[in-house]
Amino acid sequence: GDDNVSQVVNFAVRFLGNDYTTLSINNNGLVNTGNTPFTAYTPTGFSTLNVPSIGVYWADVDTRTAGDVTYRVTTDATFLATLTADLIATGNYAPATIDTLNKALVITWNLVGYYNRHNDKLNTFQLVITTNNQQQTFILFQYERLEWTTGDASGGSNGLGGTLPSVGYTNGMNPPIYVDLTRDTASDTGIPPLTLISNTNYVNPVAGEYVFRVDRPLTCCDVTPSRLENVPTSG
């Protein structure tokens, strides 16, 4: 569909200092806490959101002619052991600091087109949210294919230009504290959205993959590049 909410999911998680029991998955690459979905198709930036949210690729997705959005919640021990190993392999976290993960929410936007009904350019990306008994929470952004940035109603032409995607997360407070990889965040000028597929924030680089620990509250200093573990670097 277009601009519809794919699902409200029962998934207890600690996010930026608060505990939540449900998450809302939006077709347009956005996930917010609670069961009141945010459905805006033009990515106005995380500074405009008044609900805690994660945007893996917030842009005007249109699946009416191409692709789909699917999700699964898993407690499979083998999958979670692999995911724990993957977190350690990033080099961003010392092994002793990661407790045993007990569940994950995996959301995939597979070969999705852009508004209005365009399928000449397609994107594939994934968001993984994983936690251990709501103590630690990690999110992973993974990009396999990125060909478009913008829908027609967001100033785009042939899938490009106009209002570019927002990628990151926010605490949704007033005023909000947020991280946005593709827009100005403090003195960080961001990176072009289509280069997400060739960048990474892993210490041990894997192109197109990013990891963030998000159980703890954001503070003012978390959004400056000198303090962020998650400012993208080439790799």
C-alpha atoms as a PDB file:
ATOM      1  CA  GLY A   1       0.000   0.000   0.000  1.00  0.00           C
ATOM      2  CA  ASP A   2       0.910   3.648   0.280  1.00  0.00           C
ATOM      3  CA  ASP A   3       1.315   5.490   3.623  1.00  0.00           C
ATOM      4  CA  ASN A   4      -0.450   2.756   5.526  1.00  0.00           C
ATOM      5  CA  VAL A   5       0.707   1.297   8.818  1.00  0.00           C
ATOM      6  CA  SER A   6       1.800  -2.272   8.260  1.00  0.00           C
ATOM      7  CA  GLN A   7       1.286  -3.434  11.838  1.00  0.00           C
ATOM      8  CA  VAL A   8       1.134  -2.622  15.531  1.00  0.00           C
ATOM      9  CA  VAL A   9       3.411  -5.201  17.165  1.00  0.00           C
ATOM     10  CA  ASN A  10       3.523  -6.382  20.754  1.00  0.00           C
ATOM     11  CA  PHE A  11       7.226  -6.059  21.509  1.00  0.00           C
ATOM     12  CA  ALA A  12       8.366  -4.953  24.963  1.00  0.00           C
ATOM     13  CA  VAL A  13      11.538  -2.898  24.709  1.00  0.00           C
ATOM     14  CA  ARG A  14      13.505  -0.227  26.525  1.00  0.00           C
ATOM     15  CA  PHE A  15      14.176   2.683  24.176  1.00  0.00           C
ATOM     16  CA  LEU A  16      16.103   5.833  25.089  1.00  0.00           C
ATOM     17  CA  GLY A  17      15.454   5.410  28.799  1.00  0.00           C
ATOM     18  CA  ASN A  18      11.779   4.388  28.796  1.00  0.00           C
ATOM     19  CA  ASP A  19       9.966   1.051  28.578  1.00  0.00           C
ATOM     20  CA  TYR A  20       7.344   0.355  25.912  1.00  0.00           C
ATOM     21  CA  THR A  21       5.150  -2.650  25.153  1.00  0.00           C
ATOM     22  CA  THR A  22       4.127  -1.978  21.535  1.00  0.00           C
ATOM     23  CA  LEU A  23       5.730  -0.635  18.363  1.00  0.00           C
ATOM     24  CA  SER A  24       4.020   0.668  15.217  1.00  0.00           C
ATOM     25  CA  ILE A  25       5.560  -0.189  11.850  1.00  0.00           C
ATOM     26  CA  ASN A  26       4.962   2.374   9.128  1.00  0.00           C
ATOM     27  CA  ASN A  27       5.178   1.590   5.419  1.00  0.00           C
ATOM     28  CA  ASN A  28       7.478   4.590   4.931  1.00  0.00           C
ATOM     29  CA  GLY A  29      10.489   3.205   6.804  1.00  0.00           C
ATOM     30  CA  LEU A  30       9.529   4.561  10.218  1.00  0.00           C
ATOM     31  CA  VAL A  31       8.838   2.707  13.492  1.00  0.00           C
ATOM     32  CA  ASN A  32       7.445   4.527  16.521  1.00  0.00           C
ATOM     33  CA  THR A  33       6.670   3.495  20.074  1.00  0.00           C
ATOM     34  CA  GLY A  34       3.113   2.823  21.167  1.00  0.00           C
ATOM     35  CA  ASN A  35       0.076   2.034  19.037  1.00  0.00           C
ATOM     36  CA  THR A  36      -0.544   5.508  17.616  1.00  0.00           C
ATOM     37  CA  PRO A  37       1.257   5.439  14.282  1.00  0.00           C
ATOM     38  CA  PHE A  38       2.989   8.363  12.624  1.00  0.00           C
ATOM     39  CA  THR A  39       2.091   8.229   8.947  1.00  0.00           C
ATOM     40  CA  ALA A  40       3.753  11.236   7.287  1.00  0.00           C
ATOM     41  CA  TYR A  41       5.170  10.358   3.881  1.00  0.00           C
ATOM     42  CA  THR A  42       7.523  13.357   3.515  1.00  0.00           C
ATOM     43  CA  PRO A  43      10.485  12.996   5.915  1.00  0.00           C
ATOM     44  CA  THR A  44      10.341  16.315   7.745  1.00  0.00           C
ATOM     45  CA  GLY A  45      13.209  15.300  10.034  1.00  0.00           C
ATOM     46  CA  PHE A  46      13.369  13.819  13.519  1.00  0.00           C
ATOM     47  CA  SER A  47      13.174  17.269  15.098  1.00  0.00           C
ATOM     48  CA  THR A  48       9.497  17.352  14.039  1.00  0.00           C
ATOM     49  CA  LEU A  49       8.409  14.075  15.662  1.00  0.00           C
ATOM     50  CA  ASN A  50       6.716  14.153  19.070  1.00  0.00           C
ATOM     51  CA  VAL A  51       6.861  10.397  19.667  1.00  0.00           C
ATOM     52  CA  PRO A  52       9.996   8.237  20.153  1.00  0.00           C
ATOM     53  CA  SER A  53      10.811   6.838  16.720  1.00  0.00           C
ATOM     54  CA  ILE A  54      13.344   4.951  14.614  1.00  0.00           C
ATOM     55  CA  GLY A  55      13.742   5.694  10.923  1.00  0.00           C
ATOM     56  CA  VAL A  56      15.740   3.117   9.011  1.00  0.00           C
ATOM     57  CA  TYR A  57      14.941   4.954   5.746  1.00  0.00           C
ATOM     58  CA  TRP A  58      12.080   7.385   6.267  1.00  0.00           C
ATOM     59  CA  ALA A  59      10.892   8.233   2.743  1.00  0.00           C
ATOM     60  CA  ASP A  60       7.749   7.880   0.623  1.00  0.00           C
ATOM     61  CA  VAL A  61       7.645   4.134   0.028  1.00  0.00           C
ATOM     62  CA  ASP A  62       4.943   2.869  -2.334  1.00  0.00           C
ATOM     63  CA  THR A  63       4.381  -0.900  -2.512  1.00  0.00           C
ATOM     64  CA  ARG A  64       1.333  -0.832  -4.781  1.00  0.00           C
ATOM     65  CA  THR A  65       3.382  -1.862  -7.823  1.00  0.00           C
ATOM     66  CA  ALA A  66       6.596  -3.220  -6.315  1.00  0.00           C
ATOM     67  CA  GLY A  67       7.844  -4.876  -3.160  1.00  0.00           C
ATOM     68  CA  ASP A  68       6.466  -5.485   0.292  1.00  0.00           C
ATOM     69  CA  VAL A  69       7.048  -4.781   3.983  1.00  0.00           C
ATOM     70  CA  THR A  70       7.207  -7.796   6.287  1.00  0.00           C
ATOM     71  CA  TYR A  71       8.135  -8.388   9.907  1.00  0.00           C
ATOM     72  CA  ARG A  72       8.740 -11.215  12.343  1.00  0.00           C
ATOM     73  CA  VAL A  73       9.317 -11.449  16.087  1.00  0.00           C
ATOM     74  CA  THR A  74      11.700 -14.241  17.022  1.00  0.00           C
ATOM     75  CA  THR A  75      12.990 -15.857  20.192  1.00  0.00           C
ATOM     76  CA  ASP A  76      14.911 -18.533  18.297  1.00  0.00           C
ATOM     77  CA  ALA A  77      18.062 -19.276  20.295  1.00  0.00           C
ATOM     78  CA  THR A  78      20.193 -20.046  17.250  1.00  0.00           C
ATOM     79  CA  PHE A  79      19.239 -16.813  15.500  1.00  0.00           C
ATOM     80  CA  LEU A  80      19.852 -14.763  18.672  1.00  0.00           C
ATOM     81  CA  ALA A  81      23.237 -16.401  19.265  1.00  0.00           C
ATOM     82  CA  THR A  82      24.219 -15.461  15.727  1.00  0.00           C
ATOM     83  CA  LEU A  83      22.931 -11.934  16.273  1.00  0.00           C
ATOM     84  CA  THR A  84      24.954 -11.638  19.485  1.00  0.00           C
ATOM     85  CA  ALA A  85      28.049 -12.803  17.614  1.00  0.00           C
ATOM     86  CA  ASP A  86      27.330 -10.257  14.891  1.00  0.00           C
ATOM     87  CA  LEU A  87      27.161  -7.443  17.467  1.00  0.00           C
ATOM     88  CA  ILE A  88      30.505  -8.493  18.916  1.00  0.00           C
ATOM     89  CA  ALA A  89      32.010  -8.812  15.430  1.00  0.00           C
ATOM     90  CA  THR A  90      31.239  -5.152  14.687  1.00  0.00           C
ATOM     91  CA  GLY A  91      34.013  -4.200  17.099  1.00  0.00           C
ATOM     92  CA  ASN A  92      31.794  -1.463  18.566  1.00  0.00           C
ATOM     93  CA  TYR A  93      31.175  -3.282  21.840  1.00  0.00           C
ATOM     94  CA  ALA A  94      33.349  -5.356  24.174  1.00  0.00           C
ATOM     95  CA  PRO A  95      32.013  -8.941  24.376  1.00  0.00           C
ATOM     96  CA  ALA A  96      31.606  -8.732  28.150  1.00  0.00           C
ATOM     97  CA  THR A  97      29.274  -5.739  27.805  1.00  0.00           C
ATOM     98  CA  ILE A  98      26.632  -7.608  25.760  1.00  0.00           C
ATOM     99  CA  ASP A  99      24.236  -9.780  27.728  1.00  0.00           C
ATOM    100  CA  THR A 100      22.395 -12.727  26.188  1.00  0.00           C
ATOM    101  CA  LEU A 101      19.734 -11.495  23.781  1.00  0.00           C
ATOM    102  CA  ASN A 102      16.287 -13.017  24.257  1.00  0.00           C
ATOM    103  CA  LYS A 103      14.225 -11.665  21.349  1.00  0.00           C
ATOM    104  CA  ALA A 104      14.354  -9.660  18.147  1.00  0.00           C
ATOM    105  CA  LEU A 105      11.998  -7.833  15.809  1.00  0.00           C
ATOM    106  CA  VAL A 106      13.103  -8.024  12.175  1.00  0.00           C
ATOM    107  CA  ILE A 107      11.411  -5.700   9.665  1.00  0.00           C
ATOM    108  CA  THR A 108      12.250  -5.893   5.953  1.00  0.00           C
ATOM    109  CA  TRP A 109      11.382  -3.493   3.155  1.00  0.00           C
ATOM    110  CA  ASN A 110      12.028  -5.719   0.136  1.00  0.00           C
ATOM    111  CA  LEU A 111      12.396  -4.254  -3.352  1.00  0.00           C
ATOM    112  CA  VAL A 112      10.018  -1.389  -2.567  1.00  0.00           C
ATOM    113  CA  GLY A 113       9.127   1.341  -5.028  1.00  0.00           C
ATOM    114  CA  TYR A 114       8.362   5.006  -4.447  1.00  0.00           C
ATOM    115  CA  TYR A 115       5.309   7.258  -4.761  1.00  0.00           C
ATOM    116  CA  ASN A 116       3.403   7.511  -7.085  1.00  0.00           C
ATOM    117  CA  ARG A 117       3.345   3.810  -8.098  1.00  0.00           C
ATOM    118  CA  HIS A 118       6.915   3.904  -9.442  1.00  0.00           C
ATOM    119  CA  ASN A 119       8.945   0.714  -9.767  1.00  0.00           C
ATOM    120  CA  ASP A 120      11.773   1.796 -12.078  1.00  0.00           C
ATOM    121  CA  LYS A 121      14.049   2.196  -9.036  1.00  0.00           C
ATOM    122  CA  LEU A 122      13.843  -0.125  -6.024  1.00  0.00           C
ATOM    123  CA  ASN A 123      15.163  -0.198  -2.458  1.00  0.00           C
ATOM    124  CA  THR A 124      15.788  -3.093  -0.077  1.00  0.00           C
ATOM    125  CA  PHE A 125      16.627  -2.405   3.575  1.00  0.00           C
ATOM    126  CA  GLN A 126      16.078  -3.916   6.995  1.00  0.00           C
ATOM    127  CA  LEU A 127      15.698  -2.861  10.620  1.00  0.00           C
ATOM    128  CA  VAL A 128      16.510  -5.256  13.463  1.00  0.00           C
ATOM    129  CA  ILE A 129      15.551  -4.348  17.042  1.00  0.00           C
ATOM    130  CA  THR A 130      16.923  -6.735  19.656  1.00  0.00           C
ATOM    131  CA  THR A 131      16.925  -6.743  23.447  1.00  0.00           C
ATOM    132  CA  ASN A 132      17.697  -8.823  26.518  1.00  0.00           C
ATOM    133  CA  ASN A 133      14.806  -8.666  28.978  1.00  0.00           C
ATOM    134  CA  GLN A 134      14.388  -4.945  28.230  1.00  0.00           C
ATOM    135  CA  GLN A 135      17.782  -4.123  29.762  1.00  0.00           C
ATOM    136  CA  GLN A 136      19.946  -3.528  26.699  1.00  0.00           C
ATOM    137  CA  THR A 137      18.519  -2.604  23.312  1.00  0.00           C
ATOM    138  CA  PHE A 138      20.375  -2.565  20.016  1.00  0.00           C
ATOM    139  CA  ILE A 139      19.132  -1.543  16.587  1.00  0.00           C
ATOM    140  CA  LEU A 140      20.746  -2.524  13.304  1.00  0.00           C
ATOM    141  CA  PHE A 141      20.204  -0.756   9.980  1.00  0.00           C
ATOM    142  CA  GLN A 142      21.087  -2.879   6.952  1.00  0.00           C
ATOM    143  CA  TYR A 143      20.975  -1.734   3.314  1.00  0.00           C
ATOM    144  CA  GLU A 144      21.141  -4.143   0.388  1.00  0.00           C
ATOM    145  CA  ARG A 145      19.874  -1.988  -2.484  1.00  0.00           C
ATOM    146  CA  LEU A 146      19.245   1.784  -2.633  1.00  0.00           C
ATOM    147  CA  GLU A 147      18.222   3.390  -5.929  1.00  0.00           C
ATOM    148  CA  TRP A 148      15.690   6.089  -4.982  1.00  0.00           C
ATOM    149  CA  THR A 149      15.404   8.751  -2.294  1.00  0.00           C
ATOM    150  CA  THR A 150      12.190  10.673  -2.870  1.00  0.00           C
ATOM    151  CA  GLY A 151       8.566  10.252  -3.894  1.00  0.00           C
ATOM    152  CA  ASP A 152       6.710  12.565  -6.257  1.00  0.00           C
ATOM    153  CA  ALA A 153       4.778  14.265  -3.428  1.00  0.00           C
ATOM    154  CA  SER A 154       8.016  15.134  -1.602  1.00  0.00           C
ATOM    155  CA  GLY A 155       9.502  17.157  -4.435  1.00  0.00           C
ATOM    156  CA  GLY A 156      11.186  14.227  -6.149  1.00  0.00           C
ATOM    157  CA  SER A 157      11.718  13.713  -9.857  1.00  0.00           C
ATOM    158  CA  ASN A 158      12.378  10.182 -11.092  1.00  0.00           C
ATOM    159  CA  GLY A 159      12.927   9.154  -7.472  1.00  0.00           C
ATOM    160  CA  LEU A 160      15.633  11.718  -6.691  1.00  0.00           C
ATOM    161  CA  GLY A 161      15.961  15.271  -5.338  1.00  0.00           C
ATOM    162  CA  GLY A 162      13.368  17.027  -3.216  1.00  0.00           C
ATOM    163  CA  THR A 163      13.135  16.258   0.498  1.00  0.00           C
ATOM    164  CA  LEU A 164      15.685  13.547   1.211  1.00  0.00           C
ATOM    165  CA  PRO A 165      15.185  10.604   3.607  1.00  0.00           C
ATOM    166  CA  SER A 166      15.832  10.836   7.331  1.00  0.00           C
ATOM    167  CA  VAL A 167      17.796   7.986   8.890  1.00  0.00           C
ATOM    168  CA  GLY A 168      18.272   7.699  12.645  1.00  0.00           C
ATOM    169  CA  TYR A 169      16.176   7.963  15.801  1.00  0.00           C
ATOM    170  CA  THR A 170      14.636  10.441  18.248  1.00  0.00           C
ATOM    171  CA  ASN A 171      13.377  10.550  21.821  1.00  0.00           C
ATOM    172  CA  GLY A 172      10.343  12.548  20.648  1.00  0.00           C
ATOM    173  CA  MET A 173      10.568  14.980  23.556  1.00  0.00           C
ATOM    174  CA  ASN A 174       9.972  18.735  23.506  1.00  0.00           C
ATOM    175  CA  PRO A 175      12.496  19.777  22.405  1.00  0.00           C
ATOM    176  CA  PRO A 176      13.624  16.460  20.894  1.00  0.00           C
ATOM    177  CA  ILE A 177      17.116  15.019  21.059  1.00  0.00           C
ATOM    178  CA  TYR A 178      17.848  12.939  18.002  1.00  0.00           C
ATOM    179  CA  VAL A 179      20.447  11.378  15.733  1.00  0.00           C
ATOM    180  CA  ASP A 180      19.995  11.775  11.978  1.00  0.00           C
ATOM    181  CA  LEU A 181      22.687  10.305   9.759  1.00  0.00           C
ATOM    182  CA  THR A 182      21.534  11.994   6.563  1.00  0.00           C
ATOM    183  CA  ARG A 183      20.801  15.495   7.869  1.00  0.00           C
ATOM    184  CA  ASP A 184      22.513  18.141   9.963  1.00  0.00           C
ATOM    185  CA  THR A 185      22.908  16.928  13.547  1.00  0.00           C
ATOM    186  CA  ALA A 186      24.908  19.396  15.635  1.00  0.00           C
ATOM    187  CA  SER A 187      28.038  19.927  13.530  1.00  0.00           C
ATOM    188  CA  ASP A 188      27.641  16.674  11.589  1.00  0.00           C
ATOM    189  CA  THR A 189      26.512  17.478   8.061  1.00  0.00           C
ATOM    190  CA  GLY A 190      25.288  13.951   7.396  1.00  0.00           C
ATOM    191  CA  ILE A 191      25.888  11.690   4.418  1.00  0.00           C
ATOM    192  CA  PRO A 192      24.018  11.391   1.102  1.00  0.00           C
ATOM    193  CA  PRO A 193      21.268   8.777   1.556  1.00  0.00           C
ATOM    194  CA  LEU A 194      22.268   6.591  -1.385  1.00  0.00           C
ATOM    195  CA  THR A 195      25.771   6.234   0.103  1.00  0.00           C
ATOM    196  CA  LEU A 196      24.361   4.450   3.151  1.00  0.00           C
ATOM    197  CA  ILE A 197      24.949   1.277   1.174  1.00  0.00           C
ATOM    198  CA  SER A 198      28.703   1.926   0.942  1.00  0.00           C
ATOM    199  CA  ASN A 199      29.286   3.414   4.412  1.00  0.00           C
ATOM    200  CA  THR A 200      29.195   1.822   7.863  1.00  0.00           C
ATOM    201  CA  ASN A 201      29.673   2.723  11.516  1.00  0.00           C
ATOM    202  CA  TYR A 202      31.228  -0.624  12.453  1.00  0.00           C
ATOM    203  CA  VAL A 203      34.745  -0.517  13.862  1.00  0.00           C
ATOM    204  CA  ASN A 204      35.308  -3.618  11.753  1.00  0.00           C
ATOM    205  CA  PRO A 205      33.683  -2.261   8.569  1.00  0.00           C
ATOM    206  CA  VAL A 206      30.813  -3.982   6.779  1.00  0.00           C
ATOM    207  CA  ALA A 207      29.439  -1.806   3.998  1.00  0.00           C
ATOM    208  CA  GLY A 208      25.777  -0.899   4.325  1.00  0.00           C
ATOM    209  CA  GLU A 209      25.432  -1.873   8.002  1.00  0.00           C
ATOM    210  CA  TYR A 210      25.029   0.280  11.130  1.00  0.00           C
ATOM    211  CA  VAL A 211      24.508  -0.558  14.802  1.00  0.00           C
ATOM    212  CA  PHE A 212      23.378   1.584  17.739  1.00  0.00           C
ATOM    213  CA  ARG A 213      22.766   0.894  21.395  1.00  0.00           C
ATOM    214  CA  VAL A 214      19.523   2.701  22.249  1.00  0.00           C
ATOM    215  CA  ASP A 215      18.323   1.620  25.691  1.00  0.00           C
ATOM    216  CA  ARG A 216      19.933   4.580  27.463  1.00  0.00           C
ATOM    217  CA  PRO A 217      18.572   8.140  27.403  1.00  0.00           C
ATOM    218  CA  LEU A 218      19.953  10.536  24.820  1.00  0.00           C
ATOM    219  CA  THR A 219      21.613  13.640  26.232  1.00  0.00           C
ATOM    220  CA  CYS A 220      22.679  16.851  24.560  1.00  0.00           C
ATOM    221  CA  CYS A 221      26.203  15.534  24.072  1.00  0.00           C
ATOM    222  CA  ASP A 222      25.103  12.354  22.346  1.00  0.00           C
ATOM    223  CA  VAL A 223      24.376  14.219  19.115  1.00  0.00           C
ATOM    224  CA  THR A 224      27.842  15.660  18.559  1.00  0.00           C
ATOM    225  CA  PRO A 225      30.256  13.731  16.340  1.00  0.00           C
ATOM    226  CA  SER A 226      33.017  13.788  18.959  1.00  0.00           C
ATOM    227  CA  ARG A 227      30.847  11.740  21.304  1.00  0.00           C
ATOM    228  CA  LEU A 228      28.970   9.502  18.893  1.00  0.00           C
ATOM    229  CA  GLU A 229      29.961   5.908  18.329  1.00  0.00           C
ATOM    230  CA  ASN A 230      27.538   5.981  15.405  1.00  0.00           C
ATOM    231  CA  VAL A 231      28.822   8.674  13.092  1.00  0.00           C
ATOM    232  CA  PRO A 232      29.256   6.904   9.746  1.00  0.00           C
ATOM    233  CA  THR A 233      32.753   6.309   8.431  1.00  0.00           C
ATOM    234  CA  SER A 234      33.877   4.982   5.094  1.00  0.00           C
ATOM    235  CA  GLY A 235      34.414   1.274   4.972  1.00  0.00           C
END
